[in-house]
C-alpha atoms as a PDB file:
ATOM      1  CA  UNK A   1      25.928  -2.459  16.580  1.00  0.00           C
ATOM      2  CA  UNK A   2      29.029  -2.443  14.191  1.00  0.00           C
ATOM      3  CA  UNK A   3      27.616   0.522  11.878  1.00  0.00           C
ATOM      4  CA  UNK A   4      30.465   3.133  13.102  1.00  0.00           C
ATOM      5  CA  UNK A   5      32.643   2.410  10.062  1.00  0.00           C
ATOM      6  CA  UNK A   6      30.224   2.554   7.824  1.00  0.00           C
ATOM      7  CA  UNK A   7      29.141   5.607   8.752  1.00  0.00           C
ATOM      8  CA  UNK A   8      32.292   7.778   8.632  1.00  0.00           C
ATOM      9  CA  UNK A   9      32.805   6.212   4.638  1.00  0.00           C
ATOM     10  CA  UNK A  10      29.406   6.213   3.883  1.00  0.00           C
ATOM     11  CA  UNK A  11      28.396   9.719   4.932  1.00  0.00           C
ATOM     12  CA  UNK A  12      31.600  11.460   3.962  1.00  0.00           C
ATOM     13  CA  UNK A  13      30.750  10.817   0.231  1.00  0.00           C
ATOM     14  CA  UNK A  14      26.844  11.138   0.690  1.00  0.00           C
ATOM     15  CA  UNK A  15      27.797  14.791   2.167  1.00  0.00           C
ATOM     16  CA  UNK A  16      29.475  15.675  -1.399  1.00  0.00           C
ATOM     17  CA  UNK A  17      26.865  13.897  -3.253  1.00  0.00           C
ATOM     18  CA  UNK A  18      24.196  16.048  -2.408  1.00  0.00           C
ATOM     19  CA  UNK A  19      26.090  19.057  -2.364  1.00  0.00           C
ATOM     20  CA  UNK A  20      27.238  20.168  -6.083  1.00  0.00           C
ATOM     21  CA  UNK A  21      29.179  22.770  -4.561  1.00  0.00           C
ATOM     22  CA  UNK A  22      31.246  20.838  -3.268  1.00  0.00           C
ATOM     23  CA  UNK A  23      32.050  17.978  -5.788  1.00  0.00           C
ATOM     24  CA  UNK A  24      33.440  18.708  -9.045  1.00  0.00           C
ATOM     25  CA  UNK A  25      30.921  18.639 -11.819  1.00  0.00           C
ATOM     26  CA  UNK A  26      29.890  15.778 -13.423  1.00  0.00           C
ATOM     27  CA  UNK A  27      27.505  14.059 -16.058  1.00  0.00           C
ATOM     28  CA  UNK A  28      23.824  13.507 -14.306  1.00  0.00           C
ATOM     29  CA  UNK A  29      23.968  10.173 -15.183  1.00  0.00           C
ATOM     30  CA  UNK A  30      27.000   9.603 -13.037  1.00  0.00           C
ATOM     31  CA  UNK A  31      25.675  11.497  -9.896  1.00  0.00           C
ATOM     32  CA  UNK A  32      22.135   9.791 -10.684  1.00  0.00           C
ATOM     33  CA  UNK A  33      24.145   6.469 -10.404  1.00  0.00           C
ATOM     34  CA  UNK A  34      26.448   7.544  -7.477  1.00  0.00           C
ATOM     35  CA  UNK A  35      23.196   9.151  -5.832  1.00  0.00           C
ATOM     36  CA  UNK A  36      21.406   5.285  -6.321  1.00  0.00           C
ATOM     37  CA  UNK A  37      24.469   3.739  -4.680  1.00  0.00           C
ATOM     38  CA  UNK A  38      24.261   5.532  -1.715  1.00  0.00           C
ATOM     39  CA  UNK A  39      20.761   4.760  -1.657  1.00  0.00           C
ATOM     40  CA  UNK A  40      21.121   1.484  -1.353  1.00  0.00           C
ATOM     41  CA  UNK A  41      24.159   1.575   0.632  1.00  0.00           C
ATOM     42  CA  UNK A  42      22.243   3.229   3.048  1.00  0.00           C
ATOM     43  CA  UNK A  43      19.443   0.341   2.867  1.00  0.00           C
ATOM     44  CA  UNK A  44      21.581  -1.917   3.991  1.00  0.00           C
ATOM     45  CA  UNK A  45      23.093  -0.193   6.748  1.00  0.00           C
ATOM     46  CA  UNK A  46      19.895   0.198   8.184  1.00  0.00           C
ATOM     47  CA  UNK A  47      18.498  -3.034   7.818  1.00  0.00           C
ATOM     48  CA  UNK A  48      21.624  -4.317   9.400  1.00  0.00           C
ATOM     49  CA  UNK A  49      21.825  -2.344  12.349  1.00  0.00           C
ATOM     50  CA  UNK A  50      17.839  -2.454  12.575  1.00  0.00           C
ATOM     51  CA  UNK A  51      17.862  -6.133  12.928  1.00  0.00           C
ATOM     52  CA  UNK A  52      13.952  -6.612  11.981  1.00  0.00           C
ATOM     53  CA  UNK A  53      11.743  -9.758  12.563  1.00  0.00           C
ATOM     54  CA  UNK A  54      10.299 -10.351   9.018  1.00  0.00           C
ATOM     55  CA  UNK A  55       6.613  -9.316   9.751  1.00  0.00           C
ATOM     56  CA  UNK A  56       8.497  -6.159  11.023  1.00  0.00           C
ATOM     57  CA  UNK A  57      10.523  -5.764   7.778  1.00  0.00           C
ATOM     58  CA  UNK A  58       7.975  -6.692   5.555  1.00  0.00           C
ATOM     59  CA  UNK A  59       5.711  -3.344   7.103  1.00  0.00           C
ATOM     60  CA  UNK A  60       8.783  -1.262   8.019  1.00  0.00           C
ATOM     61  CA  UNK A  61      10.299  -0.598   4.587  1.00  0.00           C
ATOM     62  CA  UNK A  62       7.379   0.875   2.811  1.00  0.00           C
ATOM     63  CA  UNK A  63       7.129   3.223   5.081  1.00  0.00           C
ATOM     64  CA  UNK A  64      11.118   3.479   5.181  1.00  0.00           C
ATOM     65  CA  UNK A  65      10.856   4.259   1.329  1.00  0.00           C
ATOM     66  CA  UNK A  66       7.575   6.885   1.669  1.00  0.00           C
ATOM     67  CA  UNK A  67       9.996   8.921   4.291  1.00  0.00           C
ATOM     68  CA  UNK A  68      13.484   8.457   2.073  1.00  0.00           C
ATOM     69  CA  UNK A  69      11.518   9.962  -0.771  1.00  0.00           C
ATOM     70  CA  UNK A  70      10.199  13.008   1.488  1.00  0.00           C
ATOM     71  CA  UNK A  71      13.181  13.029   2.959  1.00  0.00           C
ATOM     72  CA  UNK A  72      15.617  13.242  -0.598  1.00  0.00           C
ATOM     73  CA  UNK A  73      12.894  16.489  -1.613  1.00  0.00           C
ATOM     74  CA  UNK A  74      14.595  18.622   1.458  1.00  0.00           C
ATOM     75  CA  UNK A  75      18.008  16.965   0.745  1.00  0.00           C
ATOM     76  CA  UNK A  76      17.636  18.553  -2.735  1.00  0.00           C
ATOM     77  CA  UNK A  77      16.526  21.902  -1.511  1.00  0.00           C
ATOM     78  CA  UNK A  78      19.652  22.009   0.800  1.00  0.00           C
ATOM     79  CA  UNK A  79      21.479  21.160  -2.192  1.00  0.00           C
ATOM     80  CA  UNK A  80      20.226  24.315  -4.051  1.00  0.00           C
ATOM     81  CA  UNK A  81      20.930  26.094  -0.894  1.00  0.00           C
ATOM     82  CA  UNK A  82      24.227  25.146  -0.758  1.00  0.00           C
ATOM     83  CA  UNK A  83      24.762  26.400  -4.653  1.00  0.00           C
ATOM     84  CA  UNK A  84      23.016  29.675  -4.193  1.00  0.00           C
ATOM     85  CA  UNK A  85      25.335  30.760  -0.978  1.00  0.00           C
ATOM     86  CA  UNK A  86      28.661  29.376  -3.255  1.00  0.00           C
ATOM     87  CA  UNK A  87      27.024  31.078  -6.036  1.00  0.00           C
ATOM     88  CA  UNK A  88      27.006  34.482  -3.936  1.00  0.00           C
ATOM     89  CA  UNK A  89      29.969  34.350  -1.502  1.00  0.00           C
ATOM     90  CA  UNK A  90      32.277  36.390  -1.795  1.00  0.00           C
ATOM     91  CA  UNK A  91      29.606  39.371  -2.565  1.00  0.00           C
ATOM     92  CA  UNK A  92      26.468  38.091  -0.356  1.00  0.00           C
ATOM     93  CA  UNK A  93      24.523  40.968   0.703  1.00  0.00           C
ATOM     94  CA  UNK A  94      22.057  41.782   3.389  1.00  0.00           C
ATOM     95  CA  UNK A  95      18.913  41.073   1.305  1.00  0.00           C
ATOM     96  CA  UNK A  96      20.769  37.792  -0.213  1.00  0.00           C
ATOM     97  CA  UNK A  97      21.560  36.430   3.528  1.00  0.00           C
ATOM     98  CA  UNK A  98      18.142  36.666   5.003  1.00  0.00           C
ATOM     99  CA  UNK A  99      16.702  34.844   2.172  1.00  0.00           C
ATOM    100  CA  UNK A 100      19.318  32.446   2.382  1.00  0.00           C
ATOM    101  CA  UNK A 101      18.969  32.134   6.592  1.00  0.00           C
ATOM    102  CA  UNK A 102      15.195  31.815   5.691  1.00  0.00           C
ATOM    103  CA  UNK A 103      15.442  29.412   3.360  1.00  0.00           C
ATOM    104  CA  UNK A 104      17.924  26.745   5.884  1.00  0.00           C
ATOM    105  CA  UNK A 105      15.454  27.641   8.983  1.00  0.00           C
ATOM    106  CA  UNK A 106      12.891  26.282   6.508  1.00  0.00           C
ATOM    107  CA  UNK A 107      14.102  23.342   5.597  1.00  0.00           C
ATOM    108  CA  UNK A 108      15.131  22.513   9.389  1.00  0.00           C
ATOM    109  CA  UNK A 109      11.832  23.485  10.514  1.00  0.00           C
ATOM    110  CA  UNK A 110      10.658  20.963   7.623  1.00  0.00           C
ATOM    111  CA  UNK A 111      12.720  17.894   8.207  1.00  0.00           C
ATOM    112  CA  UNK A 112      11.809  18.037  12.556  1.00  0.00           C
ATOM    113  CA  UNK A 113       7.912  18.118  10.802  1.00  0.00           C
ATOM    114  CA  UNK A 114       8.874  15.017   8.397  1.00  0.00           C
ATOM    115  CA  UNK A 115      10.086  13.236  11.585  1.00  0.00           C
ATOM    116  CA  UNK A 116       7.117  14.101  13.583  1.00  0.00           C
ATOM    117  CA  UNK A 117       4.837  12.941  10.394  1.00  0.00           C
ATOM    118  CA  UNK A 118       6.867  10.018  10.230  1.00  0.00           C
ATOM    119  CA  UNK A 119       6.584   8.371  13.773  1.00  0.00           C
ATOM    120  CA  UNK A 120       2.619   7.395  14.231  1.00  0.00           C
ATOM    121  CA  UNK A 121       3.349   5.302  10.964  1.00  0.00           C
ATOM    122  CA  UNK A 122       6.848   3.881  12.206  1.00  0.00           C
ATOM    123  CA  UNK A 123       4.698   3.368  15.690  1.00  0.00           C
ATOM    124  CA  UNK A 124       2.312   0.725  14.040  1.00  0.00           C
ATOM    125  CA  UNK A 125       4.723  -1.387  12.872  1.00  0.00           C
ATOM    126  CA  UNK A 126       7.340  -1.287  15.347  1.00  0.00           C
ATOM    127  CA  UNK A 127       7.861  -1.463  18.903  1.00  0.00           C
ATOM    128  CA  UNK A 128       9.532   1.966  20.424  1.00  0.00           C
ATOM    129  CA  UNK A 129      13.054   0.303  20.365  1.00  0.00           C
ATOM    130  CA  UNK A 130      13.137  -0.173  17.174  1.00  0.00           C
ATOM    131  CA  UNK A 131      11.345   3.120  16.230  1.00  0.00           C
ATOM    132  CA  UNK A 132      14.145   5.129  18.051  1.00  0.00           C
ATOM    133  CA  UNK A 133      16.901   2.862  17.148  1.00  0.00           C
ATOM    134  CA  UNK A 134      15.688   4.088  13.607  1.00  0.00           C
ATOM    135  CA  UNK A 135      15.772   7.688  14.249  1.00  0.00           C
ATOM    136  CA  UNK A 136      18.802   7.173  16.098  1.00  0.00           C
ATOM    137  CA  UNK A 137      20.341   6.319  12.688  1.00  0.00           C
ATOM    138  CA  UNK A 138      18.713   9.184  11.069  1.00  0.00           C
ATOM    139  CA  UNK A 139      20.303  11.368  13.810  1.00  0.00           C
ATOM    140  CA  UNK A 140      23.445  10.169  13.191  1.00  0.00           C
ATOM    141  CA  UNK A 141      23.539   9.907   9.591  1.00  0.00           C
ATOM    142  CA  UNK A 142      22.335  13.211   9.490  1.00  0.00           C
ATOM    143  CA  UNK A 143      25.132  14.507  12.049  1.00  0.00           C
ATOM    144  CA  UNK A 144      27.419  13.174   9.731  1.00  0.00           C
ATOM    145  CA  UNK A 145      26.061  15.164   6.849  1.00  0.00           C
ATOM    146  CA  UNK A 146      25.782  18.428   8.558  1.00  0.00           C
ATOM    147  CA  UNK A 147      29.594  17.829  10.036  1.00  0.00           C
ATOM    148  CA  UNK A 148      30.674  17.405   6.255  1.00  0.00           C
ATOM    149  CA  UNK A 149      28.827  20.496   5.183  1.00  0.00           C
ATOM    150  CA  UNK A 150      30.278  22.029   8.165  1.00  0.00           C
ATOM    151  CA  UNK A 151      33.910  21.589   7.452  1.00  0.00           C
ATOM    152  CA  UNK A 152      33.681  21.918   3.600  1.00  0.00           C
ATOM    153  CA  UNK A 153      31.591  25.088   3.497  1.00  0.00           C
ATOM    154  CA  UNK A 154      33.566  28.530   4.434  1.00  0.00           C
ATOM    155  CA  UNK A 155      31.681  31.111   6.919  1.00  0.00           C
ATOM    156  CA  UNK A 156      30.245  34.234   5.020  1.00  0.00           C
ATOM    157  CA  UNK A 157      32.701  37.174   4.973  1.00  0.00           C
END
């Protein structure tokens, strides 16, 4: 698979888009255009890496789109969490720290639950080797985003 160079450039940008606290403020319509472009680029990346047959693609893409919509909700929650952290950085109380950590763990747990909930749907339309390939792609994307967030978000004081 020739996706590693795409991953680097795409997901560095993606990490910045999902985190308004890390990127400069831009008008909402501009950010929406950027997000839409990134969704399209991700879909192209997935298409290239999956090597789906026409029947597989016909069954896969509606499930993919539904999953991405649900995942976007988690990404929105993560962006809000980062914004809340940034807004309180420097004067983070114990109470706020516990609240933020609780939300982080909740988001991570909800992400695992989302992956589990979609597994039977993907299993119905793809062979196991393609299901695991798709989950690997999503895992690499998540790792790239998490890495970018980790190097850009300072450790609390």
